[in-house]
Every structure is written in structure tokens, then in C-alpha cells.
Amino acid sequence: MVMLYLIFYDITDDNLRLRVAEFLKKKGLDRIQYSVFMGDLNSSRLKDVEAGLKMISNRKKLKEGERFFILIVPITENQFRERIVIGSSESEEKSNVIW
């Protein structure tokens, strides 16, 4: 079963943040905001994305005050249709989302 996921992150280290963004792009997810990606994932691809992000996280010991926080949220079709959009973004205008 394929489901839409939103992936949010708050990462203070520039290199780690860039690595996460590049990883998510390579996995076919669309960037919808600076630290937010969205995409359809089946269970296998979800596990692959989760494992990759954990691997990136484990490669560096965080210093005091640094943050590495990633949130992966499943979104149903109805929840996505009920989204509230204020303003516009390039990705929202070019959206290929069928829902």
C-alpha cells in the first residue's frame, strides 16, 4: 500500500542538513519547504528512507546544543485534501499530486 508522507526536519549542522536533503531528493521525495519533503512511499520504500536517515544520524555525534530531529508523518488522502494553504510556493503550483 502506497501512502503519502510528510518528512520534517530540524538539523542545526549544515552538512548533515544538506546530506538529509540530498538523500530525500534521491529517494524521489519532493521538497515543499526548506526543511519539509513530501512523497508517496510504500512500506518497503518507507523502511529504506527510515534506515537511510538513521544511518546519516548515526554517523555524527552531536555536540552540546546541536539538534538532529526528523519527523515522518503519514497523511491520508482526506487529510491532504483538507490542507490549508496560505500563500503560494513553487512546489504547490507545480504539484503533481493527484489527490
PDB file of N, CA and C in Angstrom:
ATOM      1  N   MET A   1       0.841  -1.186   0.000  1.00  0.00           N
ATOM      2  CA  MET A   1       0.000   0.000   0.000  1.00  0.00           C
ATOM      3  C   MET A   1       0.884   1.247   0.000  1.00  0.00           C
ATOM      4  N   VAL A   2       0.597   2.136  -0.888  1.00  0.00           N
ATOM      5  CA  VAL A   2       1.332   3.390  -1.000  1.00  0.00           C
ATOM      6  C   VAL A   2       0.595   4.461  -0.215  1.00  0.00           C
ATOM      7  N   MET A   3       1.351   5.259   0.507  1.00  0.00           N
ATOM      8  CA  MET A   3       0.753   6.329   1.302  1.00  0.00           C
ATOM      9  C   MET A   3       1.618   7.584   1.179  1.00  0.00           C
ATOM     10  N   LEU A   4       0.974   8.712   1.306  1.00  0.00           N
ATOM     11  CA  LEU A   4       1.689   9.980   1.263  1.00  0.00           C
ATOM     12  C   LEU A   4       2.324  10.242   2.628  1.00  0.00           C
ATOM     13  N   TYR A   5       3.584  10.694   2.609  1.00  0.00           N
ATOM     14  CA  TYR A   5       4.287  11.013   3.852  1.00  0.00           C
ATOM     15  C   TYR A   5       4.846  12.420   3.776  1.00  0.00           C
ATOM     16  N   LEU A   6       4.784  13.110   4.894  1.00  0.00           N
ATOM     17  CA  LEU A   6       5.475  14.379   5.061  1.00  0.00           C
ATOM     18  C   LEU A   6       6.669  14.107   5.963  1.00  0.00           C
ATOM     19  N   ILE A   7       7.817  14.647   5.587  1.00  0.00           N
ATOM     20  CA  ILE A   7       9.033  14.472   6.384  1.00  0.00           C
ATOM     21  C   ILE A   7       9.553  15.859   6.735  1.00  0.00           C
ATOM     22  N   PHE A   8       9.576  16.145   8.033  1.00  0.00           N
ATOM     23  CA  PHE A   8      10.045  17.432   8.551  1.00  0.00           C
ATOM     24  C   PHE A   8      11.374  17.210   9.253  1.00  0.00           C
ATOM     25  N   TYR A   9      12.258  18.178   9.194  1.00  0.00           N
ATOM     26  CA  TYR A   9      13.475  18.037   9.975  1.00  0.00           C
ATOM     27  C   TYR A   9      13.949  19.371  10.525  1.00  0.00           C
ATOM     28  N   ASP A  10      14.629  19.258  11.658  1.00  0.00           N
ATOM     29  CA  ASP A  10      15.270  20.393  12.318  1.00  0.00           C
ATOM     30  C   ASP A  10      16.684  19.927  12.654  1.00  0.00           C
ATOM     31  N   ILE A  11      17.623  20.359  11.839  1.00  0.00           N
ATOM     32  CA  ILE A  11      19.012  19.903  11.960  1.00  0.00           C
ATOM     33  C   ILE A  11      19.905  21.138  11.964  1.00  0.00           C
ATOM     34  N   THR A  12      20.667  21.292  13.010  1.00  0.00           N
ATOM     35  CA  THR A  12      21.483  22.505  13.127  1.00  0.00           C
ATOM     36  C   THR A  12      22.786  22.432  12.328  1.00  0.00           C
ATOM     37  N   ASP A  13      23.328  21.241  12.140  1.00  0.00           N
ATOM     38  CA  ASP A  13      24.587  21.087  11.408  1.00  0.00           C
ATOM     39  C   ASP A  13      24.319  21.208   9.905  1.00  0.00           C
ATOM     40  N   ASP A  14      24.972  22.184   9.267  1.00  0.00           N
ATOM     41  CA  ASP A  14      24.734  22.437   7.839  1.00  0.00           C
ATOM     42  C   ASP A  14      25.029  21.223   6.962  1.00  0.00           C
ATOM     43  N   ASN A  15      26.127  20.530   7.223  1.00  0.00           N
ATOM     44  CA  ASN A  15      26.484  19.371   6.397  1.00  0.00           C
ATOM     45  C   ASN A  15      25.480  18.231   6.552  1.00  0.00           C
ATOM     46  N   LEU A  16      25.061  17.983   7.771  1.00  0.00           N
ATOM     47  CA  LEU A  16      24.052  16.937   7.998  1.00  0.00           C
ATOM     48  C   LEU A  16      22.726  17.304   7.340  1.00  0.00           C
ATOM     49  N   ARG A  17      22.346  18.571   7.478  1.00  0.00           N
ATOM     50  CA  ARG A  17      21.081  19.032   6.887  1.00  0.00           C
ATOM     51  C   ARG A  17      21.116  18.872   5.363  1.00  0.00           C
ATOM     52  N   LEU A  18      22.232  19.237   4.755  1.00  0.00           N
ATOM     53  CA  LEU A  18      22.391  19.081   3.307  1.00  0.00           C
ATOM     54  C   LEU A  18      22.362  17.613   2.913  1.00  0.00           C
ATOM     55  N   ARG A  19      23.027  16.774   3.714  1.00  0.00           N
ATOM     56  CA  ARG A  19      23.048  15.335   3.420  1.00  0.00           C
ATOM     57  C   ARG A  19      21.638  14.752   3.481  1.00  0.00           C
ATOM     58  N   VAL A  20      20.854  15.165   4.466  1.00  0.00           N
ATOM     59  CA  VAL A  20      19.471  14.675   4.585  1.00  0.00           C
ATOM     60  C   VAL A  20      18.652  15.135   3.379  1.00  0.00           C
ATOM     61  N   ALA A  21      18.774  16.406   3.001  1.00  0.00           N
ATOM     62  CA  ALA A  21      18.009  16.926   1.864  1.00  0.00           C
ATOM     63  C   ALA A  21      18.369  16.183   0.578  1.00  0.00           C
ATOM     64  N   GLU A  22      19.656  15.976   0.346  1.00  0.00           N
ATOM     65  CA  GLU A  22      20.091  15.257  -0.862  1.00  0.00           C
ATOM     66  C   GLU A  22      19.599  13.810  -0.844  1.00  0.00           C
ATOM     67  N   PHE A  23      19.636  13.190   0.319  1.00  0.00           N
ATOM     68  CA  PHE A  23      19.149  11.808   0.443  1.00  0.00           C
ATOM     69  C   PHE A  23      17.661  11.720   0.098  1.00  0.00           C
ATOM     70  N   LEU A  24      16.879  12.644   0.639  1.00  0.00           N
ATOM     71  CA  LEU A  24      15.433  12.607   0.386  1.00  0.00           C
ATOM     72  C   LEU A  24      15.122  12.879  -1.084  1.00  0.00           C
ATOM     73  N   LYS A  25      15.878  13.778  -1.700  1.00  0.00           N
ATOM     74  CA  LYS A  25      15.695  14.025  -3.139  1.00  0.00           C
ATOM     75  C   LYS A  25      16.007  12.767  -3.940  1.00  0.00           C
ATOM     76  N   LYS A  26      17.102  12.092  -3.582  1.00  0.00           N
ATOM     77  CA  LYS A  26      17.483  10.856  -4.294  1.00  0.00           C
ATOM     78  C   LYS A  26      16.427   9.771  -4.145  1.00  0.00           C
ATOM     79  N   LYS A  27      15.704   9.806  -3.044  1.00  0.00           N
ATOM     80  CA  LYS A  27      14.656   8.811  -2.818  1.00  0.00           C
ATOM     81  C   LYS A  27      13.347   9.192  -3.512  1.00  0.00           C
ATOM     82  N   GLY A  28      13.372  10.293  -4.255  1.00  0.00           N
ATOM     83  CA  GLY A  28      12.204  10.672  -5.053  1.00  0.00           C
ATOM     84  C   GLY A  28      11.182  11.532  -4.347  1.00  0.00           C
ATOM     85  N   LEU A  29      11.528  12.056  -3.174  1.00  0.00           N
ATOM     86  CA  LEU A  29      10.589  12.906  -2.452  1.00  0.00           C
ATOM     87  C   LEU A  29      10.696  14.339  -2.958  1.00  0.00           C
ATOM     88  N   ASP A  30       9.608  15.071  -2.895  1.00  0.00           N
ATOM     89  CA  ASP A  30       9.562  16.455  -3.361  1.00  0.00           C
ATOM     90  C   ASP A  30       9.739  17.415  -2.198  1.00  0.00           C
ATOM     91  N   ARG A  31      10.590  18.396  -2.400  1.00  0.00           N
ATOM     92  CA  ARG A  31      10.784  19.422  -1.364  1.00  0.00           C
ATOM     93  C   ARG A  31       9.642  20.415  -1.474  1.00  0.00           C
ATOM     94  N   ILE A  32       8.905  20.619  -0.369  1.00  0.00           N
ATOM     95  CA  ILE A  32       7.799  21.577  -0.401  1.00  0.00           C
ATOM     96  C   ILE A  32       8.104  22.820   0.420  1.00  0.00           C
ATOM     97  N   GLN A  33       9.055  22.732   1.326  1.00  0.00           N
ATOM     98  CA  GLN A  33       9.584  23.878   2.048  1.00  0.00           C
ATOM     99  C   GLN A  33      11.039  23.567   2.347  1.00  0.00           C
ATOM    100  N   TYR A  34      11.752  24.525   2.886  1.00  0.00           N
ATOM    101  CA  TYR A  34      13.178  24.342   3.101  1.00  0.00           C
ATOM    102  C   TYR A  34      13.500  23.056   3.866  1.00  0.00           C
ATOM    103  N   SER A  35      12.752  22.766   4.899  1.00  0.00           N
ATOM    104  CA  SER A  35      13.024  21.574   5.710  1.00  0.00           C
ATOM    105  C   SER A  35      11.857  20.605   5.727  1.00  0.00           C
ATOM    106  N   VAL A  36      11.095  20.576   4.641  1.00  0.00           N
ATOM    107  CA  VAL A  36       9.943  19.680   4.558  1.00  0.00           C
ATOM    108  C   VAL A  36       9.901  19.024   3.177  1.00  0.00           C
ATOM    109  N   PHE A  37       9.799  17.707   3.194  1.00  0.00           N
ATOM    110  CA  PHE A  37       9.665  16.936   1.960  1.00  0.00           C
ATOM    111  C   PHE A  37       8.362  16.159   2.002  1.00  0.00           C
ATOM    112  N   MET A  38       7.882  15.768   0.819  1.00  0.00           N
ATOM    113  CA  MET A  38       6.629  15.034   0.724  1.00  0.00           C
ATOM    114  C   MET A  38       6.765  14.019  -0.403  1.00  0.00           C
ATOM    115  N   GLY A  39       6.121  12.877  -0.230  1.00  0.00           N
ATOM    116  CA  GLY A  39       6.125  11.905  -1.314  1.00  0.00           C
ATOM    117  C   GLY A  39       5.372  10.643  -0.954  1.00  0.00           C
ATOM    118  N   ASP A  40       5.041   9.900  -2.003  1.00  0.00           N
ATOM    119  CA  ASP A  40       4.373   8.614  -1.833  1.00  0.00           C
ATOM    120  C   ASP A  40       5.415   7.538  -1.562  1.00  0.00           C
ATOM    121  N   LEU A  41       5.171   6.745  -0.539  1.00  0.00           N
ATOM    122  CA  LEU A  41       6.081   5.661  -0.188  1.00  0.00           C
ATOM    123  C   LEU A  41       5.277   4.408   0.120  1.00  0.00           C
ATOM    124  N   ASN A  42       5.732   3.277  -0.401  1.00  0.00           N
ATOM    125  CA  ASN A  42       5.162   2.012   0.061  1.00  0.00           C
ATOM    126  C   ASN A  42       5.959   1.572   1.286  1.00  0.00           C
ATOM    127  N   SER A  43       5.583   0.480   1.887  1.00  0.00           N
ATOM    128  CA  SER A  43       6.235   0.082   3.139  1.00  0.00           C
ATOM    129  C   SER A  43       7.722  -0.195   2.937  1.00  0.00           C
ATOM    130  N   SER A  44       8.088  -0.752   1.809  1.00  0.00           N
ATOM    131  CA  SER A  44       9.490  -1.052   1.540  1.00  0.00           C
ATOM    132  C   SER A  44      10.307   0.235   1.394  1.00  0.00           C
ATOM    133  N   ARG A  45       9.793   1.183   0.632  1.00  0.00           N
ATOM    134  CA  ARG A  45      10.498   2.456   0.443  1.00  0.00           C
ATOM    135  C   ARG A  45      10.542   3.251   1.749  1.00  0.00           C
ATOM    136  N   LEU A  46       9.481   3.171   2.552  1.00  0.00           N
ATOM    137  CA  LEU A  46       9.473   3.852   3.846  1.00  0.00           C
ATOM    138  C   LEU A  46      10.590   3.315   4.740  1.00  0.00           C
ATOM    139  N   LYS A  47      10.720   1.983   4.785  1.00  0.00           N
ATOM    140  CA  LYS A  47      11.790   1.385   5.596  1.00  0.00           C
ATOM    141  C   LYS A  47      13.157   1.793   5.073  1.00  0.00           C
ATOM    142  N   ASP A  48      13.299   1.875   3.769  1.00  0.00           N
ATOM    143  CA  ASP A  48      14.561   2.292   3.162  1.00  0.00           C
ATOM    144  C   ASP A  48      14.894   3.737   3.543  1.00  0.00           C
ATOM    145  N   VAL A  49      13.904   4.628   3.467  1.00  0.00           N
ATOM    146  CA  VAL A  49      14.116   6.031   3.838  1.00  0.00           C
ATOM    147  C   VAL A  49      14.456   6.135   5.324  1.00  0.00           C
ATOM    148  N   GLU A  50      13.713   5.425   6.158  1.00  0.00           N
ATOM    149  CA  GLU A  50      13.959   5.455   7.600  1.00  0.00           C
ATOM    150  C   GLU A  50      15.371   4.962   7.917  1.00  0.00           C
ATOM    151  N   ALA A  51      15.770   3.853   7.304  1.00  0.00           N
ATOM    152  CA  ALA A  51      17.107   3.298   7.554  1.00  0.00           C
ATOM    153  C   ALA A  51      18.190   4.270   7.093  1.00  0.00           C
ATOM    154  N   GLY A  52      17.999   4.886   5.950  1.00  0.00           N
ATOM    155  CA  GLY A  52      18.983   5.838   5.443  1.00  0.00           C
ATOM    156  C   GLY A  52      19.124   7.045   6.347  1.00  0.00           C
ATOM    157  N   LEU A  53      18.007   7.550   6.835  1.00  0.00           N
ATOM    158  CA  LEU A  53      18.067   8.714   7.732  1.00  0.00           C
ATOM    159  C   LEU A  53      18.725   8.348   9.067  1.00  0.00           C
ATOM    160  N   LYS A  54      18.446   7.151   9.570  1.00  0.00           N
ATOM    161  CA  LYS A  54      19.098   6.702  10.805  1.00  0.00           C
ATOM    162  C   LYS A  54      20.597   6.557  10.599  1.00  0.00           C
ATOM    163  N   MET A  55      20.987   6.072   9.420  1.00  0.00           N
ATOM    164  CA  MET A  55      22.412   5.916   9.124  1.00  0.00           C
ATOM    165  C   MET A  55      23.095   7.287   9.091  1.00  0.00           C
ATOM    166  N   ILE A  56      22.456   8.255   8.479  1.00  0.00           N
ATOM    167  CA  ILE A  56      23.018   9.611   8.452  1.00  0.00           C
ATOM    168  C   ILE A  56      23.134  10.147   9.875  1.00  0.00           C
ATOM    169  N   SER A  57      22.101   9.929  10.677  1.00  0.00           N
ATOM    170  CA  SER A  57      22.088  10.409  12.062  1.00  0.00           C
ATOM    171  C   SER A  57      23.211   9.785  12.887  1.00  0.00           C
ATOM    172  N   ASN A  58      23.435   8.505  12.674  1.00  0.00           N
ATOM    173  CA  ASN A  58      24.422   7.772  13.488  1.00  0.00           C
ATOM    174  C   ASN A  58      25.865   8.072  13.126  1.00  0.00           C
ATOM    175  N   ARG A  59      26.085   8.706  11.985  1.00  0.00           N
ATOM    176  CA  ARG A  59      27.458   8.978  11.550  1.00  0.00           C
ATOM    177  C   ARG A  59      28.128  10.105  12.330  1.00  0.00           C
ATOM    178  N   LYS A  60      27.345  10.904  13.021  1.00  0.00           N
ATOM    179  CA  LYS A  60      27.945  12.032  13.723  1.00  0.00           C
ATOM    180  C   LYS A  60      27.417  12.120  15.145  1.00  0.00           C
ATOM    181  N   LYS A  61      28.328  12.290  16.071  1.00  0.00           N
ATOM    182  CA  LYS A  61      27.944  12.521  17.453  1.00  0.00           C
ATOM    183  C   LYS A  61      27.645  14.011  17.591  1.00  0.00           C
ATOM    184  N   LEU A  62      26.464  14.321  18.080  1.00  0.00           N
ATOM    185  CA  LEU A  62      26.066  15.721  18.198  1.00  0.00           C
ATOM    186  C   LEU A  62      26.792  16.396  19.348  1.00  0.00           C
ATOM    187  N   LYS A  63      27.171  17.643  19.104  1.00  0.00           N
ATOM    188  CA  LYS A  63      27.783  18.454  20.153  1.00  0.00           C
ATOM    189  C   LYS A  63      26.666  19.070  20.985  1.00  0.00           C
ATOM    190  N   GLU A  64      27.034  19.570  22.140  1.00  0.00           N
ATOM    191  CA  GLU A  64      26.039  20.213  23.008  1.00  0.00           C
ATOM    192  C   GLU A  64      25.372  21.371  22.256  1.00  0.00           C
ATOM    193  N   GLY A  65      24.068  21.414  22.288  1.00  0.00           N
ATOM    194  CA  GLY A  65      23.315  22.484  21.636  1.00  0.00           C
ATOM    195  C   GLY A  65      22.922  22.182  20.202  1.00  0.00           C
ATOM    196  N   GLU A  66      23.478  21.104  19.615  1.00  0.00           N
ATOM    197  CA  GLU A  66      23.102  20.757  18.237  1.00  0.00           C
ATOM    198  C   GLU A  66      21.812  19.923  18.258  1.00  0.00           C
ATOM    199  N   ARG A  67      21.065  20.046  17.183  1.00  0.00           N
ATOM    200  CA  ARG A  67      19.815  19.280  17.062  1.00  0.00           C
ATOM    201  C   ARG A  67      19.841  18.439  15.791  1.00  0.00           C
ATOM    202  N   PHE A  68      19.306  17.242  15.910  1.00  0.00           N
ATOM    203  CA  PHE A  68      19.058  16.378  14.752  1.00  0.00           C
ATOM    204  C   PHE A  68      17.721  15.728  15.023  1.00  0.00           C
ATOM    205  N   PHE A  69      16.677  16.275  14.439  1.00  0.00           N
ATOM    206  CA  PHE A  69      15.324  15.808  14.699  1.00  0.00           C
ATOM    207  C   PHE A  69      14.601  15.671  13.371  1.00  0.00           C
ATOM    208  N   ILE A  70      14.074  14.479  13.128  1.00  0.00           N
ATOM    209  CA  ILE A  70      13.328  14.220  11.895  1.00  0.00           C
ATOM    210  C   ILE A  70      11.996  13.602  12.280  1.00  0.00           C
ATOM    211  N   LEU A  71      10.928  14.097  11.661  1.00  0.00           N
ATOM    212  CA  LEU A  71       9.579  13.599  11.908  1.00  0.00           C
ATOM    213  C   LEU A  71       8.998  13.121  10.584  1.00  0.00           C
ATOM    214  N   ILE A  72       8.556  11.869  10.536  1.00  0.00           N
ATOM    215  CA  ILE A  72       7.940  11.286   9.337  1.00  0.00           C
ATOM    216  C   ILE A  72       6.472  11.051   9.659  1.00  0.00           C
ATOM    217  N   VAL A  73       5.581  11.724   8.927  1.00  0.00           N
ATOM    218  CA  VAL A  73       4.155  11.691   9.245  1.00  0.00           C
ATOM    219  C   VAL A  73       3.356  11.147   8.050  1.00  0.00           C
ATOM    220  N   PRO A  74       2.603  10.057   8.256  1.00  0.00           N
ATOM    221  CA  PRO A  74       1.731   9.574   7.181  1.00  0.00           C
ATOM    222  C   PRO A  74       0.498  10.473   7.059  1.00  0.00           C
ATOM    223  N   ILE A  75       0.086  10.705   5.836  1.00  0.00           N
ATOM    224  CA  ILE A  75      -1.073  11.564   5.569  1.00  0.00           C
ATOM    225  C   ILE A  75      -2.059  10.799   4.697  1.00  0.00           C
ATOM    226  N   THR A  76      -3.303  10.762   5.106  1.00  0.00           N
ATOM    227  CA  THR A  76      -4.315  10.107   4.278  1.00  0.00           C
ATOM    228  C   THR A  76      -4.781  11.060   3.181  1.00  0.00           C
ATOM    229  N   GLU A  77      -5.451  10.496   2.202  1.00  0.00           N
ATOM    230  CA  GLU A  77      -5.979  11.290   1.098  1.00  0.00           C
ATOM    231  C   GLU A  77      -6.919  12.377   1.614  1.00  0.00           C
ATOM    232  N   ASN A  78      -7.804  12.010   2.537  1.00  0.00           N
ATOM    233  CA  ASN A  78      -8.745  13.007   3.080  1.00  0.00           C
ATOM    234  C   ASN A  78      -8.033  14.103   3.864  1.00  0.00           C
ATOM    235  N   GLN A  79      -7.040  13.742   4.635  1.00  0.00           N
ATOM    236  CA  GLN A  79      -6.291  14.755   5.380  1.00  0.00           C
ATOM    237  C   GLN A  79      -5.575  15.704   4.427  1.00  0.00           C
ATOM    238  N   PHE A  80      -5.018  15.159   3.358  1.00  0.00           N
ATOM    239  CA  PHE A  80      -4.315  16.015   2.407  1.00  0.00           C
ATOM    240  C   PHE A  80      -5.280  16.963   1.709  1.00  0.00           C
ATOM    241  N   ARG A  81      -6.459  16.475   1.364  1.00  0.00           N
ATOM    242  CA  ARG A  81      -7.449  17.329   0.695  1.00  0.00           C
ATOM    243  C   ARG A  81      -7.933  18.458   1.601  1.00  0.00           C
ATOM    244  N   GLU A  82      -7.867  18.247   2.889  1.00  0.00           N
ATOM    245  CA  GLU A  82      -8.324  19.256   3.845  1.00  0.00           C
ATOM    246  C   GLU A  82      -7.209  20.213   4.259  1.00  0.00           C
ATOM    247  N   ARG A  83      -6.071  20.126   3.610  1.00  0.00           N
ATOM    248  CA  ARG A  83      -4.951  21.002   3.962  1.00  0.00           C
ATOM    249  C   ARG A  83      -5.340  22.464   3.735  1.00  0.00           C
ATOM    250  N   ILE A  84      -4.729  23.302   4.478  1.00  0.00           N
ATOM    251  CA  ILE A  84      -4.928  24.746   4.348  1.00  0.00           C
ATOM    252  C   ILE A  84      -3.620  25.328   3.840  1.00  0.00           C
ATOM    253  N   VAL A  85      -3.694  26.016   2.735  1.00  0.00           N
ATOM    254  CA  VAL A  85      -2.503  26.618   2.136  1.00  0.00           C
ATOM    255  C   VAL A  85      -2.656  28.132   2.204  1.00  0.00           C
ATOM    256  N   ILE A  86      -1.702  28.773   2.780  1.00  0.00           N
ATOM    257  CA  ILE A  86      -1.688  30.235   2.870  1.00  0.00           C
ATOM    258  C   ILE A  86      -0.479  30.714   2.081  1.00  0.00           C
ATOM    259  N   GLY A  87      -0.708  31.527   1.078  1.00  0.00           N
ATOM    260  CA  GLY A  87       0.370  31.958   0.200  1.00  0.00           C
ATOM    261  C   GLY A  87       0.570  30.932  -0.890  1.00  0.00           C
ATOM    262  N   SER A  88       1.654  31.031  -1.600  1.00  0.00           N
ATOM    263  CA  SER A  88       1.930  30.064  -2.647  1.00  0.00           C
ATOM    264  C   SER A  88       3.414  29.740  -2.646  1.00  0.00           C
ATOM    265  N   SER A  89       3.691  28.563  -3.151  1.00  0.00           N
ATOM    266  CA  SER A  89       5.073  28.154  -3.298  1.00  0.00           C
ATOM    267  C   SER A  89       5.214  27.521  -4.662  1.00  0.00           C
ATOM    268  N   GLU A  90       6.426  27.470  -5.156  1.00  0.00           N
ATOM    269  CA  GLU A  90       6.668  26.882  -6.464  1.00  0.00           C
ATOM    270  C   GLU A  90       6.216  25.438  -6.513  1.00  0.00           C
ATOM    271  N   SER A  91       6.493  24.683  -5.458  1.00  0.00           N
ATOM    272  CA  SER A  91       6.137  23.265  -5.467  1.00  0.00           C
ATOM    273  C   SER A  91       4.635  23.059  -5.435  1.00  0.00           C
ATOM    274  N   GLU A  92       3.892  23.924  -4.758  1.00  0.00           N
ATOM    275  CA  GLU A  92       2.436  23.790  -4.688  1.00  0.00           C
ATOM    276  C   GLU A  92       1.834  24.079  -6.058  1.00  0.00           C
ATOM    277  N   GLU A  93       2.404  25.039  -6.782  1.00  0.00           N
ATOM    278  CA  GLU A  93       1.903  25.378  -8.108  1.00  0.00           C
ATOM    279  C   GLU A  93       2.206  24.290  -9.124  1.00  0.00           C
ATOM    280  N   LYS A  94       3.361  23.615  -8.974  1.00  0.00           N
ATOM    281  CA  LYS A  94       3.769  22.571  -9.910  1.00  0.00           C
ATOM    282  C   LYS A  94       3.372  21.190  -9.418  1.00  0.00           C
ATOM    283  N   SER A  95       2.554  21.139  -8.417  1.00  0.00           N
ATOM    284  CA  SER A  95       2.238  19.875  -7.766  1.00  0.00           C
ATOM    285  C   SER A  95       1.713  18.836  -8.747  1.00  0.00           C
ATOM    286  N   ASN A  96       2.277  17.644  -8.635  1.00  0.00           N
ATOM    287  CA  ASN A  96       1.803  16.519  -9.427  1.00  0.00           C
ATOM    288  C   ASN A  96       0.909  15.618  -8.603  1.00  0.00           C
ATOM    289  N   VAL A  97       0.524  16.082  -7.424  1.00  0.00           N
ATOM    290  CA  VAL A  97      -0.284  15.269  -6.547  1.00  0.00           C
ATOM    291  C   VAL A  97      -1.670  15.118  -7.149  1.00  0.00           C
ATOM    292  N   ILE A  98      -2.101  13.906  -7.318  1.00  0.00           N
ATOM    293  CA  ILE A  98      -3.381  13.627  -7.966  1.00  0.00           C
ATOM    294  C   ILE A  98      -4.536  13.821  -6.998  1.00  0.00           C
ATOM    295  N   TRP A  99      -4.310  13.646  -5.706  1.00  0.00           N
ATOM    296  CA  TRP A  99      -5.403  13.713  -4.748  1.00  0.00           C
ATOM    297  C   TRP A  99      -6.086  15.017  -4.818  1.00  0.00           C
TER     298      TRP A  99
END
